Amino acid sequence: MATTLSASEAWAVLETVPDPEIPVVSLVELGVVRKVEVLDDEGLRVTITPTYSGCPAAEMMADQIREALLAAGAGRVEIETRLAPAWTTDWIGEEAQEKLREYGIAPPGRTAGGAMPLTFVPPAPACPRCGSRDTARLSEFGSTACKALWRCRSCLEPFDHFKPI
C-alpha cells in the first residue's frame, strides 16, 4: 500500500536532491523548488521554477525529484513547472552561495540588504578562487545559459558566474 510523506518530510528529502549541473547545491538551496503540497490521495505536488524557461535540465530535475520522493515513500508525485514569477538569483541562499564559490562558481553579487543593485553596467564578479575583482568576461554564456564565462586576471583561472537575474 502506498503511503505519503508530510510536507516537512518531503522538504527534507528535497534538500538532498542535487542540481544536475551543480551537484554541490540542492534544488531547494538553488531556489528551484518553490512549493510542496500534500494531496488528498496519498500524493504530493511539487512546484518548481527552472533557472531559465528553456533550461535543458528541467526534465532531469523533475525526474530526480519524483524518484527521490517515491523512494522515500510518497504514494504519487506530481511535478508542476511554473515560469512566473521567473526564477531569480535572489532565491539562492547565503549558504548555497558559499558552496558555489567553493565549487569555483562566482555567485551573483548582493548588497548588505541581500538584493542585487540595479546598474547599467554590473560590477565584475570576484574570482571564486583568489577573491580578486580584476576579472574579465570572456563570454556571455558559460557552461549553461544561466551562467557567463569569466577569467581572473590575477590568478588567470577561468570561472563561471551566475548571471544576476
C-alpha atoms as a PDB file:
ATOM      1  CA  MET A   1       0.000   0.000   0.000  1.00  0.00           C
ATOM      2  CA  ALA A   2       1.285   3.437  -0.916  1.00  0.00           C
ATOM      3  CA  THR A   3       1.998   5.935   1.819  1.00  0.00           C
ATOM      4  CA  THR A   4       2.559   9.623   1.661  1.00  0.00           C
ATOM      5  CA  LEU A   5       5.027  11.954   3.246  1.00  0.00           C
ATOM      6  CA  SER A   6       4.243  15.065   5.239  1.00  0.00           C
ATOM      7  CA  ALA A   7       5.243  18.367   3.687  1.00  0.00           C
ATOM      8  CA  SER A   8       8.152  18.698   6.128  1.00  0.00           C
ATOM      9  CA  GLU A   9       9.343  15.152   5.343  1.00  0.00           C
ATOM     10  CA  ALA A  10       9.127  15.924   1.618  1.00  0.00           C
ATOM     11  CA  TRP A  11      11.153  19.141   2.078  1.00  0.00           C
ATOM     12  CA  ALA A  12      13.798  17.158   3.985  1.00  0.00           C
ATOM     13  CA  VAL A  13      14.047  14.685   1.091  1.00  0.00           C
ATOM     14  CA  LEU A  14      14.224  17.501  -1.462  1.00  0.00           C
ATOM     15  CA  GLU A  15      17.120  19.091   0.437  1.00  0.00           C
ATOM     16  CA  THR A  16      19.142  16.040  -0.665  1.00  0.00           C
ATOM     17  CA  VAL A  17      18.308  16.268  -4.389  1.00  0.00           C
ATOM     18  CA  PRO A  18      21.309  17.892  -6.083  1.00  0.00           C
ATOM     19  CA  ASP A  19      21.101  20.244  -9.021  1.00  0.00           C
ATOM     20  CA  PRO A  20      22.022  18.085 -12.053  1.00  0.00           C
ATOM     21  CA  GLU A  21      24.553  20.631 -13.309  1.00  0.00           C
ATOM     22  CA  ILE A  22      25.927  21.853  -9.963  1.00  0.00           C
ATOM     23  CA  PRO A  23      25.890  18.878  -7.590  1.00  0.00           C
ATOM     24  CA  VAL A  24      27.195  20.807  -4.568  1.00  0.00           C
ATOM     25  CA  VAL A  25      23.836  22.569  -4.109  1.00  0.00           C
ATOM     26  CA  SER A  26      20.385  21.069  -3.824  1.00  0.00           C
ATOM     27  CA  LEU A  27      17.436  22.159  -5.913  1.00  0.00           C
ATOM     28  CA  VAL A  28      15.976  23.613  -2.718  1.00  0.00           C
ATOM     29  CA  GLU A  29      19.138  25.628  -1.972  1.00  0.00           C
ATOM     30  CA  LEU A  30      19.180  26.917  -5.542  1.00  0.00           C
ATOM     31  CA  GLY A  31      15.583  28.099  -5.166  1.00  0.00           C
ATOM     32  CA  VAL A  32      14.217  25.846  -7.912  1.00  0.00           C
ATOM     33  CA  VAL A  33      11.780  24.021  -5.598  1.00  0.00           C
ATOM     34  CA  ARG A  34       9.103  26.566  -4.760  1.00  0.00           C
ATOM     35  CA  LYS A  35       6.281  24.651  -3.065  1.00  0.00           C
ATOM     36  CA  VAL A  36       5.318  21.226  -1.717  1.00  0.00           C
ATOM     37  CA  GLU A  37       1.663  20.266  -1.265  1.00  0.00           C
ATOM     38  CA  VAL A  38       0.261  17.083   0.261  1.00  0.00           C
ATOM     39  CA  LEU A  39      -2.665  15.858  -1.854  1.00  0.00           C
ATOM     40  CA  ASP A  40      -5.725  14.020  -0.525  1.00  0.00           C
ATOM     41  CA  ASP A  41      -4.984  10.835  -2.467  1.00  0.00           C
ATOM     42  CA  GLU A  42      -1.619   9.916  -0.881  1.00  0.00           C
ATOM     43  CA  GLY A  43       0.286  12.081  -3.303  1.00  0.00           C
ATOM     44  CA  LEU A  44       2.466  15.148  -3.391  1.00  0.00           C
ATOM     45  CA  ARG A  45       2.593  18.083  -5.771  1.00  0.00           C
ATOM     46  CA  VAL A  46       5.952  19.830  -6.068  1.00  0.00           C
ATOM     47  CA  THR A  47       6.138  23.181  -7.815  1.00  0.00           C
ATOM     48  CA  ILE A  48       9.439  24.046  -9.456  1.00  0.00           C
ATOM     49  CA  THR A  49      10.728  27.078 -11.310  1.00  0.00           C
ATOM     50  CA  PRO A  50      13.764  26.298 -13.506  1.00  0.00           C
ATOM     51  CA  THR A  51      16.560  28.840 -13.674  1.00  0.00           C
ATOM     52  CA  TYR A  52      15.608  29.556 -17.299  1.00  0.00           C
ATOM     53  CA  SER A  53      12.354  28.828 -19.138  1.00  0.00           C
ATOM     54  CA  GLY A  54      14.314  26.770 -21.670  1.00  0.00           C
ATOM     55  CA  CYS A  55      16.576  25.088 -19.113  1.00  0.00           C
ATOM     56  CA  PRO A  56      17.768  21.811 -20.640  1.00  0.00           C
ATOM     57  CA  ALA A  57      17.952  20.219 -17.187  1.00  0.00           C
ATOM     58  CA  ALA A  58      14.322  20.940 -16.210  1.00  0.00           C
ATOM     59  CA  GLU A  59      13.106  17.460 -17.173  1.00  0.00           C
ATOM     60  CA  MET A  60      16.000  15.836 -15.327  1.00  0.00           C
ATOM     61  CA  MET A  61      15.219  17.940 -12.244  1.00  0.00           C
ATOM     62  CA  ALA A  62      11.599  16.764 -12.310  1.00  0.00           C
ATOM     63  CA  ASP A  63      12.700  13.135 -12.698  1.00  0.00           C
ATOM     64  CA  GLN A  64      15.172  13.402  -9.799  1.00  0.00           C
ATOM     65  CA  ILE A  65      12.536  14.974  -7.545  1.00  0.00           C
ATOM     66  CA  ARG A  66       9.963  12.320  -8.427  1.00  0.00           C
ATOM     67  CA  GLU A  67      12.423   9.438  -7.905  1.00  0.00           C
ATOM     68  CA  ALA A  68      13.659  10.755  -4.545  1.00  0.00           C
ATOM     69  CA  LEU A  69      10.163  11.285  -3.163  1.00  0.00           C
ATOM     70  CA  LEU A  70       8.855   7.932  -4.400  1.00  0.00           C
ATOM     71  CA  ALA A  71      11.884   6.178  -2.885  1.00  0.00           C
ATOM     72  CA  ALA A  72      11.147   7.931   0.434  1.00  0.00           C
ATOM     73  CA  GLY A  73       7.567   6.632   0.494  1.00  0.00           C
ATOM     74  CA  ALA A  74       5.420   9.103  -1.398  1.00  0.00           C
ATOM     75  CA  GLY A  75       2.451   7.349  -2.977  1.00  0.00           C
ATOM     76  CA  ARG A  76       2.348   9.583  -6.044  1.00  0.00           C
ATOM     77  CA  VAL A  77       4.276  12.669  -7.131  1.00  0.00           C
ATOM     78  CA  GLU A  78       3.117  15.413  -9.475  1.00  0.00           C
ATOM     79  CA  ILE A  79       5.601  17.997 -10.697  1.00  0.00           C
ATOM     80  CA  GLU A  80       4.222  21.388 -11.670  1.00  0.00           C
ATOM     81  CA  THR A  81       6.549  23.740 -13.539  1.00  0.00           C
ATOM     82  CA  ARG A  82       5.783  27.420 -13.035  1.00  0.00           C
ATOM     83  CA  LEU A  83       7.607  30.052 -15.028  1.00  0.00           C
ATOM     84  CA  ALA A  84       6.038  33.044 -13.263  1.00  0.00           C
ATOM     85  CA  PRO A  85       7.363  34.550 -11.232  1.00  0.00           C
ATOM     86  CA  ALA A  86      10.583  33.891 -13.075  1.00  0.00           C
ATOM     87  CA  TRP A  87      13.455  32.333 -11.141  1.00  0.00           C
ATOM     88  CA  THR A  88      15.881  34.870  -9.767  1.00  0.00           C
ATOM     89  CA  THR A  89      19.322  34.596  -8.234  1.00  0.00           C
ATOM     90  CA  ASP A  90      17.801  36.291  -5.175  1.00  0.00           C
ATOM     91  CA  TRP A  91      16.399  32.822  -4.350  1.00  0.00           C
ATOM     92  CA  ILE A  92      19.908  31.410  -3.806  1.00  0.00           C
ATOM     93  CA  GLY A  93      20.582  31.425  -0.075  1.00  0.00           C
ATOM     94  CA  GLU A  94      23.802  32.593   1.580  1.00  0.00           C
ATOM     95  CA  GLU A  95      24.956  29.050   2.405  1.00  0.00           C
ATOM     96  CA  ALA A  96      24.379  27.948  -1.193  1.00  0.00           C
ATOM     97  CA  GLN A  97      26.302  30.986  -2.453  1.00  0.00           C
ATOM     98  CA  GLU A  98      29.275  29.916  -0.362  1.00  0.00           C
ATOM     99  CA  LYS A  99      29.008  26.351  -1.710  1.00  0.00           C
ATOM    100  CA  LEU A 100      29.005  27.745  -5.265  1.00  0.00           C
ATOM    101  CA  ARG A 101      32.082  29.847  -4.507  1.00  0.00           C
ATOM    102  CA  GLU A 102      33.927  26.843  -3.056  1.00  0.00           C
ATOM    103  CA  TYR A 103      32.951  24.832  -6.160  1.00  0.00           C
ATOM    104  CA  GLY A 104      34.504  27.505  -8.394  1.00  0.00           C
ATOM    105  CA  ILE A 105      31.365  29.378  -9.497  1.00  0.00           C
ATOM    106  CA  ALA A 106      31.077  33.054  -8.631  1.00  0.00           C
ATOM    107  CA  PRO A 107      27.639  33.610  -7.109  1.00  0.00           C
ATOM    108  CA  PRO A 108      25.660  36.727  -8.009  1.00  0.00           C
ATOM    109  CA  GLY A 109      26.602  39.886  -6.142  1.00  0.00           C
ATOM    110  CA  ARG A 110      24.492  41.179  -3.288  1.00  0.00           C
ATOM    111  CA  THR A 111      24.229  44.376  -1.262  1.00  0.00           C
ATOM    112  CA  ALA A 112      24.115  44.338   2.526  1.00  0.00           C
ATOM    113  CA  GLY A 113      20.304  44.099   2.272  1.00  0.00           C
ATOM    114  CA  GLY A 114      20.553  40.973   0.136  1.00  0.00           C
ATOM    115  CA  ALA A 115      19.428  42.317  -3.242  1.00  0.00           C
ATOM    116  CA  MET A 116      21.499  42.814  -6.385  1.00  0.00           C
ATOM    117  CA  PRO A 117      21.784  46.544  -7.056  1.00  0.00           C
ATOM    118  CA  LEU A 118      20.279  47.672 -10.357  1.00  0.00           C
ATOM    119  CA  THR A 119      23.010  49.199 -12.516  1.00  0.00           C
ATOM    120  CA  PHE A 120      23.530  49.713 -16.219  1.00  0.00           C
ATOM    121  CA  VAL A 121      26.933  48.051 -16.020  1.00  0.00           C
ATOM    122  CA  PRO A 122      27.003  45.469 -13.218  1.00  0.00           C
ATOM    123  CA  PRO A 123      30.253  45.168 -11.284  1.00  0.00           C
ATOM    124  CA  ALA A 124      32.686  42.425 -12.230  1.00  0.00           C
ATOM    125  CA  PRO A 125      32.333  39.346 -10.038  1.00  0.00           C
ATOM    126  CA  ALA A 126      35.093  38.408  -7.642  1.00  0.00           C
ATOM    127  CA  CYS A 127      37.141  35.366  -8.588  1.00  0.00           C
ATOM    128  CA  PRO A 128      35.852  32.409  -6.532  1.00  0.00           C
ATOM    129  CA  ARG A 129      39.410  31.063  -6.222  1.00  0.00           C
ATOM    130  CA  CYS A 130      41.502  34.070  -5.167  1.00  0.00           C
ATOM    131  CA  GLY A 131      38.882  36.754  -4.473  1.00  0.00           C
ATOM    132  CA  SER A 132      40.307  39.311  -6.921  1.00  0.00           C
ATOM    133  CA  ARG A 133      37.858  41.690  -8.602  1.00  0.00           C
ATOM    134  CA  ASP A 134      40.278  42.099 -11.526  1.00  0.00           C
ATOM    135  CA  THR A 135      38.186  39.840 -13.746  1.00  0.00           C
ATOM    136  CA  ALA A 136      37.037  39.935 -17.357  1.00  0.00           C
ATOM    137  CA  ARG A 137      34.034  38.382 -19.067  1.00  0.00           C
ATOM    138  CA  LEU A 138      35.069  36.008 -21.838  1.00  0.00           C
ATOM    139  CA  SER A 139      31.589  35.004 -22.964  1.00  0.00           C
ATOM    140  CA  GLU A 140      28.015  35.956 -22.126  1.00  0.00           C
ATOM    141  CA  PHE A 141      27.289  32.236 -21.834  1.00  0.00           C
ATOM    142  CA  GLY A 142      29.258  29.779 -19.722  1.00  0.00           C
ATOM    143  CA  SER A 143      28.671  26.084 -19.207  1.00  0.00           C
ATOM    144  CA  THR A 144      24.919  26.805 -19.123  1.00  0.00           C
ATOM    145  CA  ALA A 145      22.730  29.681 -20.258  1.00  0.00           C
ATOM    146  CA  CYS A 146      22.249  30.896 -16.675  1.00  0.00           C
ATOM    147  CA  LYS A 147      25.988  31.496 -16.242  1.00  0.00           C
ATOM    148  CA  ALA A 148      28.602  33.627 -18.006  1.00  0.00           C
ATOM    149  CA  LEU A 149      32.261  32.664 -18.507  1.00  0.00           C
ATOM    150  CA  TRP A 150      34.830  34.916 -16.808  1.00  0.00           C
ATOM    151  CA  ARG A 151      38.595  34.854 -16.218  1.00  0.00           C
ATOM    152  CA  CYS A 152      40.566  36.223 -13.327  1.00  0.00           C
ATOM    153  CA  ARG A 153      43.405  38.485 -14.409  1.00  0.00           C
ATOM    154  CA  SER A 154      45.226  37.859 -11.109  1.00  0.00           C
ATOM    155  CA  CYS A 155      45.331  34.058 -10.941  1.00  0.00           C
ATOM    156  CA  LEU A 156      44.415  33.554 -14.645  1.00  0.00           C
ATOM    157  CA  GLU A 157      41.775  30.927 -13.819  1.00  0.00           C
ATOM    158  CA  PRO A 158      38.516  30.828 -15.799  1.00  0.00           C
ATOM    159  CA  PHE A 159      35.256  30.541 -13.848  1.00  0.00           C
ATOM    160  CA  ASP A 160      31.500  30.554 -14.303  1.00  0.00           C
ATOM    161  CA  HIS A 161      29.445  33.385 -12.811  1.00  0.00           C
ATOM    162  CA  PHE A 162      25.725  33.074 -12.130  1.00  0.00           C
ATOM    163  CA  LYS A 163      24.100  35.907 -14.012  1.00  0.00           C
ATOM    164  CA  PRO A 164      22.136  38.134 -11.657  1.00  0.00           C
ATOM    165  CA  ILE A 165      18.600  37.789 -12.960  1.00  0.00           C
END
